[in-house]
């Protein structure tokens, strides 16, 4: 982890120790600063990250939980990246003006609740 990120993390931790901020506010700041930095553009680099890189990212999240800065809803970095991928795909799929929308196939086979496959034409 870069020294800049460590500095932010320890600054946030020190800030939480010496202020009377509500826990929810600290969780929001942690998510907005630390988790946003850790997962920025993760759709592009996650597949190339080594196992040791992923473990280091998980360690930052565990450290935030242990210090009380991170809420328990952020389960793992892999879950956060997966959620971000799903959100990006939904945005591209639903917004015909999105720059990536034209890269989608013209028809998509969709599995619905394990019942069967339907074809959706875009």
PDB file of N, CA and C in Angstrom:
ATOM      1  N   UNK A   1       0.850  -1.164   0.000  1.00  0.00           N
ATOM      2  CA  UNK A   1       0.000   0.000   0.000  1.00  0.00           C
ATOM      3  C   UNK A   1       0.897   1.229   0.000  1.00  0.00           C
ATOM      4  N   UNK A   2       0.503   2.234  -0.750  1.00  0.00           N
ATOM      5  CA  UNK A   2       1.334   3.422  -0.840  1.00  0.00           C
ATOM      6  C   UNK A   2       1.311   4.192   0.477  1.00  0.00           C
ATOM      7  N   UNK A   3       2.346   4.982   0.681  1.00  0.00           N
ATOM      8  CA  UNK A   3       2.434   5.743   1.929  1.00  0.00           C
ATOM      9  C   UNK A   3       1.317   6.776   2.007  1.00  0.00           C
ATOM     10  N   UNK A   4       0.867   7.270   0.850  1.00  0.00           N
ATOM     11  CA  UNK A   4      -0.231   8.239   0.833  1.00  0.00           C
ATOM     12  C   UNK A   4      -1.515   7.608   1.365  1.00  0.00           C
ATOM     13  N   UNK A   5      -1.791   6.367   0.952  1.00  0.00           N
ATOM     14  CA  UNK A   5      -2.995   5.675   1.426  1.00  0.00           C
ATOM     15  C   UNK A   5      -2.883   5.347   2.916  1.00  0.00           C
ATOM     16  N   UNK A   6      -1.715   4.923   3.338  1.00  0.00           N
ATOM     17  CA  UNK A   6      -1.521   4.660   4.757  1.00  0.00           C
ATOM     18  C   UNK A   6      -1.722   5.927   5.578  1.00  0.00           C
ATOM     19  N   UNK A   7      -1.211   7.025   5.059  1.00  0.00           N
ATOM     20  CA  UNK A   7      -1.363   8.304   5.753  1.00  0.00           C
ATOM     21  C   UNK A   7      -2.838   8.663   5.894  1.00  0.00           C
ATOM     22  N   UNK A   8      -3.622   8.470   4.822  1.00  0.00           N
ATOM     23  CA  UNK A   8      -5.059   8.758   4.885  1.00  0.00           C
ATOM     24  C   UNK A   8      -5.753   7.864   5.905  1.00  0.00           C
ATOM     25  N   UNK A   9      -5.399   6.587   5.887  1.00  0.00           N
ATOM     26  CA  UNK A   9      -6.026   5.639   6.802  1.00  0.00           C
ATOM     27  C   UNK A   9      -5.727   6.010   8.255  1.00  0.00           C
ATOM     28  N   UNK A  10      -4.466   6.294   8.559  1.00  0.00           N
ATOM     29  CA  UNK A  10      -4.103   6.632   9.928  1.00  0.00           C
ATOM     30  C   UNK A  10      -4.638   7.996  10.336  1.00  0.00           C
ATOM     31  N   UNK A  11      -4.728   8.924   9.391  1.00  0.00           N
ATOM     32  CA  UNK A  11      -5.333  10.219   9.684  1.00  0.00           C
ATOM     33  C   UNK A  11      -6.792  10.041  10.048  1.00  0.00           C
ATOM     34  N   UNK A  12      -7.489   9.224   9.271  1.00  0.00           N
ATOM     35  CA  UNK A  12      -8.898   8.956   9.554  1.00  0.00           C
ATOM     36  C   UNK A  12      -9.059   8.257  10.902  1.00  0.00           C
ATOM     37  N   UNK A  13      -8.182   7.296  11.191  1.00  0.00           N
ATOM     38  CA  UNK A  13      -8.245   6.592  12.473  1.00  0.00           C
ATOM     39  C   UNK A  13      -7.979   7.554  13.632  1.00  0.00           C
ATOM     40  N   UNK A  14      -6.960   8.386  13.500  1.00  0.00           N
ATOM     41  CA  UNK A  14      -6.647   9.359  14.544  1.00  0.00           C
ATOM     42  C   UNK A  14      -7.761  10.371  14.726  1.00  0.00           C
ATOM     43  N   UNK A  15      -8.376  10.739  13.615  1.00  0.00           N
ATOM     44  CA  UNK A  15      -9.491  11.673  13.665  1.00  0.00           C
ATOM     45  C   UNK A  15     -10.664  11.068  14.430  1.00  0.00           C
ATOM     46  N   UNK A  16     -10.904   9.790  14.202  1.00  0.00           N
ATOM     47  CA  UNK A  16     -12.032   9.132  14.876  1.00  0.00           C
ATOM     48  C   UNK A  16     -11.777   8.985  16.376  1.00  0.00           C
ATOM     49  N   UNK A  17     -10.514   8.856  16.766  1.00  0.00           N
ATOM     50  CA  UNK A  17     -10.182   8.702  18.177  1.00  0.00           C
ATOM     51  C   UNK A  17     -10.360   9.994  18.966  1.00  0.00           C
ATOM     52  N   UNK A  18     -10.200  11.149  18.295  1.00  0.00           N
ATOM     53  CA  UNK A  18     -10.186  12.424  19.002  1.00  0.00           C
ATOM     54  C   UNK A  18     -11.410  13.288  18.731  1.00  0.00           C
ATOM     55  N   UNK A  19     -12.392  12.764  18.063  1.00  0.00           N
ATOM     56  CA  UNK A  19     -13.600  13.538  17.800  1.00  0.00           C
ATOM     57  C   UNK A  19     -14.811  12.751  18.276  1.00  0.00           C
ATOM     58  N   UNK A  20     -15.911  13.431  18.296  1.00  0.00           N
ATOM     59  CA  UNK A  20     -17.148  12.786  18.730  1.00  0.00           C
ATOM     60  C   UNK A  20     -18.059  12.518  17.530  1.00  0.00           C
ATOM     61  N   UNK A  21     -17.470  12.195  16.396  1.00  0.00           N
ATOM     62  CA  UNK A  21     -18.281  11.908  15.208  1.00  0.00           C
ATOM     63  C   UNK A  21     -19.089  10.649  15.436  1.00  0.00           C
ATOM     64  N   UNK A  22     -20.325  10.639  14.955  1.00  0.00           N
ATOM     65  CA  UNK A  22     -21.113   9.408  15.042  1.00  0.00           C
ATOM     66  C   UNK A  22     -20.486   8.304  14.191  1.00  0.00           C
ATOM     67  N   UNK A  23     -20.673   7.086  14.602  1.00  0.00           N
ATOM     68  CA  UNK A  23     -20.088   5.942  13.903  1.00  0.00           C
ATOM     69  C   UNK A  23     -20.527   5.891  12.455  1.00  0.00           C
ATOM     70  N   UNK A  24     -21.788   6.181  12.212  1.00  0.00           N
ATOM     71  CA  UNK A  24     -22.295   6.129  10.833  1.00  0.00           C
ATOM     72  C   UNK A  24     -21.548   7.106   9.927  1.00  0.00           C
ATOM     73  N   UNK A  25     -21.249   8.280  10.431  1.00  0.00           N
ATOM     74  CA  UNK A  25     -20.517   9.277   9.642  1.00  0.00           C
ATOM     75  C   UNK A  25     -19.107   8.791   9.328  1.00  0.00           C
ATOM     76  N   UNK A  26     -18.444   8.183  10.311  1.00  0.00           N
ATOM     77  CA  UNK A  26     -17.104   7.642  10.071  1.00  0.00           C
ATOM     78  C   UNK A  26     -17.142   6.552   9.015  1.00  0.00           C
ATOM     79  N   UNK A  27     -18.172   5.702   9.060  1.00  0.00           N
ATOM     80  CA  UNK A  27     -18.308   4.647   8.054  1.00  0.00           C
ATOM     81  C   UNK A  27     -18.496   5.243   6.665  1.00  0.00           C
ATOM     82  N   UNK A  28     -19.268   6.316   6.575  1.00  0.00           N
ATOM     83  CA  UNK A  28     -19.486   6.958   5.275  1.00  0.00           C
ATOM     84  C   UNK A  28     -18.196   7.567   4.740  1.00  0.00           C
ATOM     85  N   UNK A  29     -17.431   8.200   5.611  1.00  0.00           N
ATOM     86  CA  UNK A  29     -16.157   8.797   5.188  1.00  0.00           C
ATOM     87  C   UNK A  29     -15.181   7.702   4.754  1.00  0.00           C
ATOM     88  N   UNK A  30     -15.124   6.596   5.497  1.00  0.00           N
ATOM     89  CA  UNK A  30     -14.232   5.488   5.146  1.00  0.00           C
ATOM     90  C   UNK A  30     -14.600   4.926   3.778  1.00  0.00           C
ATOM     91  N   UNK A  31     -15.898   4.747   3.550  1.00  0.00           N
ATOM     92  CA  UNK A  31     -16.350   4.220   2.261  1.00  0.00           C
ATOM     93  C   UNK A  31     -16.016   5.201   1.131  1.00  0.00           C
ATOM     94  N   UNK A  32     -16.231   6.479   1.379  1.00  0.00           N
ATOM     95  CA  UNK A  32     -16.007   7.477   0.344  1.00  0.00           C
ATOM     96  C   UNK A  32     -14.530   7.678   0.030  1.00  0.00           C
ATOM     97  N   UNK A  33     -13.661   7.502   1.012  1.00  0.00           N
ATOM     98  CA  UNK A  33     -12.233   7.770   0.795  1.00  0.00           C
ATOM     99  C   UNK A  33     -11.450   6.481   0.543  1.00  0.00           C
ATOM    100  N   UNK A  34     -11.434   5.588   1.495  1.00  0.00           N
ATOM    101  CA  UNK A  34     -10.563   4.417   1.426  1.00  0.00           C
ATOM    102  C   UNK A  34     -11.095   3.374   0.455  1.00  0.00           C
ATOM    103  N   UNK A  35     -12.349   2.971   0.616  1.00  0.00           N
ATOM    104  CA  UNK A  35     -12.889   1.922  -0.252  1.00  0.00           C
ATOM    105  C   UNK A  35     -12.986   2.411  -1.692  1.00  0.00           C
ATOM    106  N   UNK A  36     -13.324   3.674  -1.891  1.00  0.00           N
ATOM    107  CA  UNK A  36     -13.363   4.221  -3.250  1.00  0.00           C
ATOM    108  C   UNK A  36     -11.981   4.166  -3.901  1.00  0.00           C
ATOM    109  N   UNK A  37     -10.945   4.472  -3.140  1.00  0.00           N
ATOM    110  CA  UNK A  37      -9.585   4.401  -3.679  1.00  0.00           C
ATOM    111  C   UNK A  37      -9.173   2.962  -3.984  1.00  0.00           C
ATOM    112  N   UNK A  38      -9.555   2.034  -3.110  1.00  0.00           N
ATOM    113  CA  UNK A  38      -9.170   0.637  -3.306  1.00  0.00           C
ATOM    114  C   UNK A  38      -9.864  -0.001  -4.502  1.00  0.00           C
ATOM    115  N   UNK A  39     -11.075   0.418  -4.783  1.00  0.00           N
ATOM    116  CA  UNK A  39     -11.856  -0.232  -5.837  1.00  0.00           C
ATOM    117  C   UNK A  39     -11.960   0.595  -7.111  1.00  0.00           C
ATOM    118  N   UNK A  40     -11.243   1.712  -7.202  1.00  0.00           N
ATOM    119  CA  UNK A  40     -11.324   2.567  -8.384  1.00  0.00           C
ATOM    120  C   UNK A  40     -10.924   1.786  -9.632  1.00  0.00           C
ATOM    121  N   UNK A  41     -11.771   1.764 -10.633  1.00  0.00           N
ATOM    122  CA  UNK A  41     -11.552   1.089 -11.913  1.00  0.00           C
ATOM    123  C   UNK A  41     -11.218  -0.387 -11.740  1.00  0.00           C
ATOM    124  N   UNK A  42     -11.755  -1.003 -10.706  1.00  0.00           N
ATOM    125  CA  UNK A  42     -11.441  -2.405 -10.404  1.00  0.00           C
ATOM    126  C   UNK A  42     -11.881  -3.352 -11.513  1.00  0.00           C
ATOM    127  N   UNK A  43     -12.876  -2.958 -12.292  1.00  0.00           N
ATOM    128  CA  UNK A  43     -13.318  -3.809 -13.396  1.00  0.00           C
ATOM    129  C   UNK A  43     -12.185  -4.072 -14.384  1.00  0.00           C
ATOM    130  N   UNK A  44     -11.272  -3.132 -14.505  1.00  0.00           N
ATOM    131  CA  UNK A  44     -10.187  -3.286 -15.462  1.00  0.00           C
ATOM    132  C   UNK A  44      -8.994  -4.050 -14.896  1.00  0.00           C
ATOM    133  N   UNK A  45      -8.686  -3.895 -13.626  1.00  0.00           N
ATOM    134  CA  UNK A  45      -7.461  -4.498 -13.096  1.00  0.00           C
ATOM    135  C   UNK A  45      -7.686  -5.705 -12.205  1.00  0.00           C
ATOM    136  N   UNK A  46      -8.912  -5.988 -11.787  1.00  0.00           N
ATOM    137  CA  UNK A  46      -9.150  -7.071 -10.826  1.00  0.00           C
ATOM    138  C   UNK A  46      -8.689  -8.424 -11.361  1.00  0.00           C
ATOM    139  N   UNK A  47      -8.956  -8.703 -12.607  1.00  0.00           N
ATOM    140  CA  UNK A  47      -8.560  -9.987 -13.192  1.00  0.00           C
ATOM    141  C   UNK A  47      -7.053 -10.158 -13.290  1.00  0.00           C
ATOM    142  N   UNK A  48      -6.320  -9.074 -13.290  1.00  0.00           N
ATOM    143  CA  UNK A  48      -4.861  -9.125 -13.389  1.00  0.00           C
ATOM    144  C   UNK A  48      -4.167  -9.112 -12.025  1.00  0.00           C
ATOM    145  N   UNK A  49      -4.932  -8.870 -10.975  1.00  0.00           N
ATOM    146  CA  UNK A  49      -4.347  -8.802  -9.630  1.00  0.00           C
ATOM    147  C   UNK A  49      -3.950 -10.200  -9.164  1.00  0.00           C
ATOM    148  N   UNK A  50      -2.783 -10.287  -8.580  1.00  0.00           N
ATOM    149  CA  UNK A  50      -2.324 -11.577  -8.060  1.00  0.00           C
ATOM    150  C   UNK A  50      -3.015 -11.885  -6.740  1.00  0.00           C
ATOM    151  N   UNK A  51      -2.866 -13.104  -6.286  1.00  0.00           N
ATOM    152  CA  UNK A  51      -3.465 -13.508  -5.009  1.00  0.00           C
ATOM    153  C   UNK A  51      -2.897 -12.683  -3.860  1.00  0.00           C
ATOM    154  N   UNK A  52      -1.612 -12.375  -3.905  1.00  0.00           N
ATOM    155  CA  UNK A  52      -1.018 -11.571  -2.831  1.00  0.00           C
ATOM    156  C   UNK A  52      -1.544 -10.136  -2.864  1.00  0.00           C
ATOM    157  N   UNK A  53      -1.779  -9.600  -4.061  1.00  0.00           N
ATOM    158  CA  UNK A  53      -2.371  -8.259  -4.157  1.00  0.00           C
ATOM    159  C   UNK A  53      -3.759  -8.244  -3.534  1.00  0.00           C
ATOM    160  N   UNK A  54      -4.540  -9.270  -3.826  1.00  0.00           N
ATOM    161  CA  UNK A  54      -5.899  -9.348  -3.285  1.00  0.00           C
ATOM    162  C   UNK A  54      -5.886  -9.504  -1.768  1.00  0.00           C
ATOM    163  N   UNK A  55      -4.933 -10.261  -1.260  1.00  0.00           N
ATOM    164  CA  UNK A  55      -4.821 -10.422   0.189  1.00  0.00           C
ATOM    165  C   UNK A  55      -4.460  -9.104   0.868  1.00  0.00           C
ATOM    166  N   UNK A  56      -3.600  -8.326   0.241  1.00  0.00           N
ATOM    167  CA  UNK A  56      -3.232  -7.024   0.809  1.00  0.00           C
ATOM    168  C   UNK A  56      -4.430  -6.078   0.835  1.00  0.00           C
ATOM    169  N   UNK A  57      -5.247  -6.119  -0.225  1.00  0.00           N
ATOM    170  CA  UNK A  57      -6.450  -5.287  -0.243  1.00  0.00           C
ATOM    171  C   UNK A  57      -7.430  -5.722   0.840  1.00  0.00           C
ATOM    172  N   UNK A  58      -7.574  -7.036   1.012  1.00  0.00           N
ATOM    173  CA  UNK A  58      -8.443  -7.555   2.065  1.00  0.00           C
ATOM    174  C   UNK A  58      -7.934  -7.147   3.448  1.00  0.00           C
ATOM    175  N   UNK A  59      -6.613  -7.086   3.611  1.00  0.00           N
ATOM    176  CA  UNK A  59      -6.027  -6.692   4.893  1.00  0.00           C
ATOM    177  C   UNK A  59      -6.385  -5.255   5.244  1.00  0.00           C
ATOM    178  N   UNK A  60      -6.417  -4.381   4.247  1.00  0.00           N
ATOM    179  CA  UNK A  60      -6.799  -2.996   4.504  1.00  0.00           C
ATOM    180  C   UNK A  60      -8.247  -2.939   4.985  1.00  0.00           C
ATOM    181  N   UNK A  61      -9.106  -3.713   4.357  1.00  0.00           N
ATOM    182  CA  UNK A  61     -10.513  -3.740   4.761  1.00  0.00           C
ATOM    183  C   UNK A  61     -10.673  -4.310   6.173  1.00  0.00           C
ATOM    184  N   UNK A  62      -9.940  -5.376   6.475  1.00  0.00           N
ATOM    185  CA  UNK A  62      -9.996  -5.956   7.833  1.00  0.00           C
ATOM    186  C   UNK A  62      -9.505  -4.960   8.880  1.00  0.00           C
ATOM    187  N   UNK A  63      -8.443  -4.237   8.548  1.00  0.00           N
ATOM    188  CA  UNK A  63      -7.900  -3.240   9.470  1.00  0.00           C
ATOM    189  C   UNK A  63      -8.924  -2.143   9.742  1.00  0.00           C
ATOM    190  N   UNK A  64      -9.637  -1.739   8.701  1.00  0.00           N
ATOM    191  CA  UNK A  64     -10.675  -0.728   8.883  1.00  0.00           C
ATOM    192  C   UNK A  64     -11.818  -1.227   9.749  1.00  0.00           C
ATOM    193  N   UNK A  65     -12.200  -2.491   9.575  1.00  0.00           N
ATOM    194  CA  UNK A  65     -13.264  -3.073  10.407  1.00  0.00           C
ATOM    195  C   UNK A  65     -12.814  -3.191  11.857  1.00  0.00           C
ATOM    196  N   UNK A  66     -11.579  -3.655  12.045  1.00  0.00           N
ATOM    197  CA  UNK A  66     -11.057  -3.852  13.399  1.00  0.00           C
ATOM    198  C   UNK A  66     -10.969  -2.523  14.156  1.00  0.00           C
ATOM    199  N   UNK A  67     -10.641  -1.454  13.448  1.00  0.00           N
ATOM    200  CA  UNK A  67     -10.519  -0.151  14.102  1.00  0.00           C
ATOM    201  C   UNK A  67     -11.861   0.554  14.250  1.00  0.00           C
ATOM    202  N   UNK A  68     -12.923  -0.029  13.675  1.00  0.00           N
ATOM    203  CA  UNK A  68     -14.246   0.560  13.796  1.00  0.00           C
ATOM    204  C   UNK A  68     -14.567   1.613  12.764  1.00  0.00           C
ATOM    205  N   UNK A  69     -13.685   1.789  11.773  1.00  0.00           N
ATOM    206  CA  UNK A  69     -13.920   2.793  10.739  1.00  0.00           C
ATOM    207  C   UNK A  69     -14.812   2.281   9.621  1.00  0.00           C
ATOM    208  N   UNK A  70     -14.816   0.980   9.415  1.00  0.00           N
ATOM    209  CA  UNK A  70     -15.555   0.368   8.313  1.00  0.00           C
ATOM    210  C   UNK A  70     -16.729  -0.427   8.867  1.00  0.00           C
ATOM    211  N   UNK A  71     -17.863  -0.285   8.230  1.00  0.00           N
ATOM    212  CA  UNK A  71     -19.045  -1.022   8.678  1.00  0.00           C
ATOM    213  C   UNK A  71     -18.944  -2.477   8.241  1.00  0.00           C
ATOM    214  N   UNK A  72     -19.740  -3.317   8.840  1.00  0.00           N
ATOM    215  CA  UNK A  72     -19.711  -4.743   8.550  1.00  0.00           C
ATOM    216  C   UNK A  72     -20.350  -5.115   7.233  1.00  0.00           C
ATOM    217  N   UNK A  73     -21.050  -4.184   6.559  1.00  0.00           N
ATOM    218  CA  UNK A  73     -21.700  -4.526   5.299  1.00  0.00           C
ATOM    219  C   UNK A  73     -20.711  -4.693   4.151  1.00  0.00           C
ATOM    220  N   UNK A  74     -19.532  -4.144   4.290  1.00  0.00           N
ATOM    221  CA  UNK A  74     -18.484  -4.333   3.282  1.00  0.00           C
ATOM    222  C   UNK A  74     -17.803  -5.668   3.575  1.00  0.00           C
ATOM    223  N   UNK A  75     -18.325  -6.727   2.993  1.00  0.00           N
ATOM    224  CA  UNK A  75     -17.868  -8.061   3.368  1.00  0.00           C
ATOM    225  C   UNK A  75     -16.445  -8.330   2.904  1.00  0.00           C
ATOM    226  N   UNK A  76     -16.182  -8.291   1.631  1.00  0.00           N
ATOM    227  CA  UNK A  76     -14.835  -8.495   1.102  1.00  0.00           C
ATOM    228  C   UNK A  76     -14.619  -7.564  -0.085  1.00  0.00           C
ATOM    229  N   UNK A  77     -13.369  -7.389  -0.446  1.00  0.00           N
ATOM    230  CA  UNK A  77     -13.058  -6.591  -1.631  1.00  0.00           C
ATOM    231  C   UNK A  77     -13.629  -7.267  -2.871  1.00  0.00           C
ATOM    232  N   UNK A  78     -13.556  -8.591  -2.924  1.00  0.00           N
ATOM    233  CA  UNK A  78     -14.099  -9.322  -4.082  1.00  0.00           C
ATOM    234  C   UNK A  78     -15.594  -9.054  -4.237  1.00  0.00           C
ATOM    235  N   UNK A  79     -16.337  -9.006  -3.126  1.00  0.00           N
ATOM    236  CA  UNK A  79     -17.762  -8.688  -3.198  1.00  0.00           C
ATOM    237  C   UNK A  79     -17.990  -7.261  -3.686  1.00  0.00           C
ATOM    238  N   UNK A  80     -17.186  -6.331  -3.200  1.00  0.00           N
ATOM    239  CA  UNK A  80     -17.326  -4.941  -3.621  1.00  0.00           C
ATOM    240  C   UNK A  80     -17.038  -4.778  -5.111  1.00  0.00           C
ATOM    241  N   UNK A  81     -15.998  -5.468  -5.582  1.00  0.00           N
ATOM    242  CA  UNK A  81     -15.656  -5.400  -7.007  1.00  0.00           C
ATOM    243  C   UNK A  81     -16.754  -6.054  -7.841  1.00  0.00           C
ATOM    244  N   UNK A  82     -17.269  -7.187  -7.372  1.00  0.00           N
ATOM    245  CA  UNK A  82     -18.358  -7.854  -8.090  1.00  0.00           C
ATOM    246  C   UNK A  82     -19.596  -6.982  -8.181  1.00  0.00           C
ATOM    247  N   UNK A  83     -19.919  -6.308  -7.083  1.00  0.00           N
ATOM    248  CA  UNK A  83     -21.060  -5.397  -7.084  1.00  0.00           C
ATOM    249  C   UNK A  83     -20.836  -4.241  -8.050  1.00  0.00           C
ATOM    250  N   UNK A  84     -19.617  -3.707  -8.073  1.00  0.00           N
ATOM    251  CA  UNK A  84     -19.306  -2.603  -8.984  1.00  0.00           C
ATOM    252  C   UNK A  84     -19.425  -3.061 -10.438  1.00  0.00           C
ATOM    253  N   UNK A  85     -18.964  -4.277 -10.735  1.00  0.00           N
ATOM    254  CA  UNK A  85     -19.104  -4.822 -12.089  1.00  0.00           C
ATOM    255  C   UNK A  85     -20.565  -4.955 -12.478  1.00  0.00           C
ATOM    256  N   UNK A  86     -21.366  -5.475 -11.572  1.00  0.00           N
ATOM    257  CA  UNK A  86     -22.801  -5.630 -11.843  1.00  0.00           C
ATOM    258  C   UNK A  86     -23.469  -4.284 -12.083  1.00  0.00           C
ATOM    259  N   UNK A  87     -23.111  -3.289 -11.265  1.00  0.00           N
ATOM    260  CA  UNK A  87     -23.691  -1.957 -11.434  1.00  0.00           C
ATOM    261  C   UNK A  87     -23.296  -1.344 -12.769  1.00  0.00           C
ATOM    262  N   UNK A  88     -22.026  -1.503 -13.149  1.00  0.00           N
ATOM    263  CA  UNK A  88     -21.569  -0.976 -14.439  1.00  0.00           C
ATOM    264  C   UNK A  88     -22.311  -1.648 -15.587  1.00  0.00           C
ATOM    265  N   UNK A  89     -22.457  -2.969 -15.538  1.00  0.00           N
ATOM    266  CA  UNK A  89     -23.154  -3.676 -16.600  1.00  0.00           C
ATOM    267  C   UNK A  89     -24.611  -3.236 -16.687  1.00  0.00           C
ATOM    268  N   UNK A  90     -25.268  -3.090 -15.553  1.00  0.00           N
ATOM    269  CA  UNK A  90     -26.661  -2.627 -15.559  1.00  0.00           C
ATOM    270  C   UNK A  90     -26.779  -1.233 -16.170  1.00  0.00           C
ATOM    271  N   UNK A  91     -25.840  -0.357 -15.831  1.00  0.00           N
ATOM    272  CA  UNK A  91     -25.854   0.996 -16.374  1.00  0.00           C
ATOM    273  C   UNK A  91     -25.677   0.975 -17.885  1.00  0.00           C
ATOM    274  N   UNK A  92     -24.726   0.193 -18.368  1.00  0.00           N
ATOM    275  CA  UNK A  92     -24.479   0.094 -19.807  1.00  0.00           C
ATOM    276  C   UNK A  92     -25.681  -0.519 -20.514  1.00  0.00           C
ATOM    277  N   UNK A  93     -26.268  -1.535 -19.908  1.00  0.00           N
ATOM    278  CA  UNK A  93     -27.399  -2.229 -20.515  1.00  0.00           C
ATOM    279  C   UNK A  93     -28.629  -1.333 -20.617  1.00  0.00           C
ATOM    280  N   UNK A  94     -28.900  -0.549 -19.584  1.00  0.00           N
ATOM    281  CA  UNK A  94     -30.125   0.253 -19.549  1.00  0.00           C
ATOM    282  C   UNK A  94     -30.009   1.606 -20.234  1.00  0.00           C
ATOM    283  N   UNK A  95     -28.789   2.132 -20.374  1.00  0.00           N
ATOM    284  CA  UNK A  95     -28.602   3.465 -20.942  1.00  0.00           C
ATOM    285  C   UNK A  95     -28.074   3.347 -22.369  1.00  0.00           C
ATOM    286  N   UNK A  96     -28.947   3.567 -23.335  1.00  0.00           N
ATOM    287  CA  UNK A  96     -28.537   3.416 -24.737  1.00  0.00           C
ATOM    288  C   UNK A  96     -27.555   4.500 -25.174  1.00  0.00           C
ATOM    289  N   UNK A  97     -27.396   5.564 -24.376  1.00  0.00           N
ATOM    290  CA  UNK A  97     -26.444   6.629 -24.697  1.00  0.00           C
ATOM    291  C   UNK A  97     -25.083   6.404 -24.042  1.00  0.00           C
ATOM    292  N   UNK A  98     -24.945   5.360 -23.254  1.00  0.00           N
ATOM    293  CA  UNK A  98     -23.662   5.074 -22.613  1.00  0.00           C
ATOM    294  C   UNK A  98     -22.636   4.727 -23.687  1.00  0.00           C
ATOM    295  N   UNK A  99     -21.404   5.166 -23.492  1.00  0.00           N
ATOM    296  CA  UNK A  99     -20.355   4.981 -24.494  1.00  0.00           C
ATOM    297  C   UNK A  99     -20.076   3.499 -24.771  1.00  0.00           C
ATOM    298  N   UNK A 100     -20.317   2.630 -23.816  1.00  0.00           N
ATOM    299  CA  UNK A 100     -20.068   1.197 -24.001  1.00  0.00           C
ATOM    300  C   UNK A 100     -21.282   0.430 -24.524  1.00  0.00           C
ATOM    301  N   UNK A 101     -22.424   1.082 -24.613  1.00  0.00           N
ATOM    302  CA  UNK A 101     -23.657   0.392 -25.005  1.00  0.00           C
ATOM    303  C   UNK A 101     -23.554  -0.243 -26.394  1.00  0.00           C
ATOM    304  N   UNK A 102     -22.899   0.420 -27.324  1.00  0.00           N
ATOM    305  CA  UNK A 102     -22.782  -0.109 -28.688  1.00  0.00           C
ATOM    306  C   UNK A 102     -21.909  -1.358 -28.760  1.00  0.00           C
ATOM    307  N   UNK A 103     -21.142  -1.629 -27.726  1.00  0.00           N
ATOM    308  CA  UNK A 103     -20.291  -2.814 -27.718  1.00  0.00           C
ATOM    309  C   UNK A 103     -21.042  -4.071 -27.288  1.00  0.00           C
ATOM    310  N   UNK A 104     -22.265  -3.894 -26.772  1.00  0.00           N
ATOM    311  CA  UNK A 104     -23.073  -5.046 -26.370  1.00  0.00           C
ATOM    312  C   UNK A 104     -23.584  -5.784 -27.607  1.00  0.00           C
ATOM    313  N   UNK A 105     -23.766  -7.077 -27.491  1.00  0.00           N
ATOM    314  CA  UNK A 105     -24.386  -7.804 -28.606  1.00  0.00           C
ATOM    315  C   UNK A 105     -25.832  -7.335 -28.778  1.00  0.00           C
ATOM    316  N   UNK A 106     -26.372  -7.507 -29.959  1.00  0.00           N
ATOM    317  CA  UNK A 106     -27.727  -7.044 -30.232  1.00  0.00           C
ATOM    318  C   UNK A 106     -28.782  -7.905 -29.555  1.00  0.00           C
ATOM    319  N   UNK A 107     -28.439  -9.114 -29.177  1.00  0.00           N
ATOM    320  CA  UNK A 107     -29.359  -9.937 -28.414  1.00  0.00           C
ATOM    321  C   UNK A 107     -28.605 -10.604 -27.281  1.00  0.00           C
ATOM    322  N   UNK A 108     -29.262 -10.756 -26.186  1.00  0.00           N
ATOM    323  CA  UNK A 108     -28.638 -11.339 -25.003  1.00  0.00           C
ATOM    324  C   UNK A 108     -29.539 -12.454 -24.501  1.00  0.00           C
ATOM    325  N   UNK A 109     -28.948 -13.601 -24.226  1.00  0.00           N
ATOM    326  CA  UNK A 109     -29.697 -14.690 -23.620  1.00  0.00           C
ATOM    327  C   UNK A 109     -29.673 -14.497 -22.119  1.00  0.00           C
ATOM    328  N   UNK A 110     -30.845 -14.482 -21.513  1.00  0.00           N
ATOM    329  CA  UNK A 110     -30.949 -14.199 -20.088  1.00  0.00           C
ATOM    330  C   UNK A 110     -31.577 -15.398 -19.384  1.00  0.00           C
ATOM    331  N   UNK A 111     -30.926 -15.860 -18.317  1.00  0.00           N
ATOM    332  CA  UNK A 111     -31.474 -16.934 -17.498  1.00  0.00           C
ATOM    333  C   UNK A 111     -32.332 -16.292 -16.416  1.00  0.00           C
ATOM    334  N   UNK A 112     -33.576 -16.706 -16.322  1.00  0.00           N
ATOM    335  CA  UNK A 112     -34.481 -16.131 -15.344  1.00  0.00           C
ATOM    336  C   UNK A 112     -34.785 -17.155 -14.272  1.00  0.00           C
ATOM    337  N   UNK A 113     -34.264 -16.892 -13.078  1.00  0.00           N
ATOM    338  CA  UNK A 113     -34.527 -17.697 -11.892  1.00  0.00           C
ATOM    339  C   UNK A 113     -34.329 -19.189 -12.120  1.00  0.00           C
ATOM    340  N   UNK A 114     -33.410 -19.547 -12.995  1.00  0.00           N
ATOM    341  CA  UNK A 114     -33.112 -20.948 -13.234  1.00  0.00           C
ATOM    342  C   UNK A 114     -34.223 -21.703 -13.960  1.00  0.00           C
ATOM    343  N   UNK A 115     -35.254 -20.993 -14.405  1.00  0.00           N
ATOM    344  CA  UNK A 115     -36.394 -21.632 -15.054  1.00  0.00           C
ATOM    345  C   UNK A 115     -36.110 -21.897 -16.524  1.00  0.00           C
ATOM    346  N   UNK A 116     -35.552 -20.930 -17.187  1.00  0.00           N
ATOM    347  CA  UNK A 116     -35.318 -21.093 -18.614  1.00  0.00           C
ATOM    348  C   UNK A 116     -34.565 -19.918 -19.178  1.00  0.00           C
ATOM    349  N   UNK A 117     -34.301 -19.976 -20.456  1.00  0.00           N
ATOM    350  CA  UNK A 117     -33.541 -18.939 -21.138  1.00  0.00           C
ATOM    351  C   UNK A 117     -34.489 -18.177 -22.062  1.00  0.00           C
ATOM    352  N   UNK A 118     -34.422 -16.853 -22.012  1.00  0.00           N
ATOM    353  CA  UNK A 118     -35.187 -16.032 -22.949  1.00  0.00           C
ATOM    354  C   UNK A 118     -34.204 -15.175 -23.730  1.00  0.00           C
ATOM    355  N   UNK A 119     -34.628 -14.688 -24.872  1.00  0.00           N
ATOM    356  CA  UNK A 119     -33.786 -13.822 -25.683  1.00  0.00           C
ATOM    357  C   UNK A 119     -34.300 -12.399 -25.556  1.00  0.00           C
ATOM    358  N   UNK A 120     -33.397 -11.487 -25.223  1.00  0.00           N
ATOM    359  CA  UNK A 120     -33.742 -10.073 -25.104  1.00  0.00           C
ATOM    360  C   UNK A 120     -33.060  -9.348 -26.254  1.00  0.00           C
ATOM    361  N   UNK A 121     -33.824  -8.643 -27.063  1.00  0.00           N
ATOM    362  CA  UNK A 121     -33.276  -7.880 -28.186  1.00  0.00           C
ATOM    363  C   UNK A 121     -33.122  -6.443 -27.766  1.00  0.00           C
ATOM    364  N   UNK A 122     -31.926  -5.929 -27.969  1.00  0.00           N
ATOM    365  CA  UNK A 122     -31.634  -4.541 -27.575  1.00  0.00           C
ATOM    366  C   UNK A 122     -31.874  -3.601 -28.708  1.00  0.00           C
TER     367      UNK A 122
END
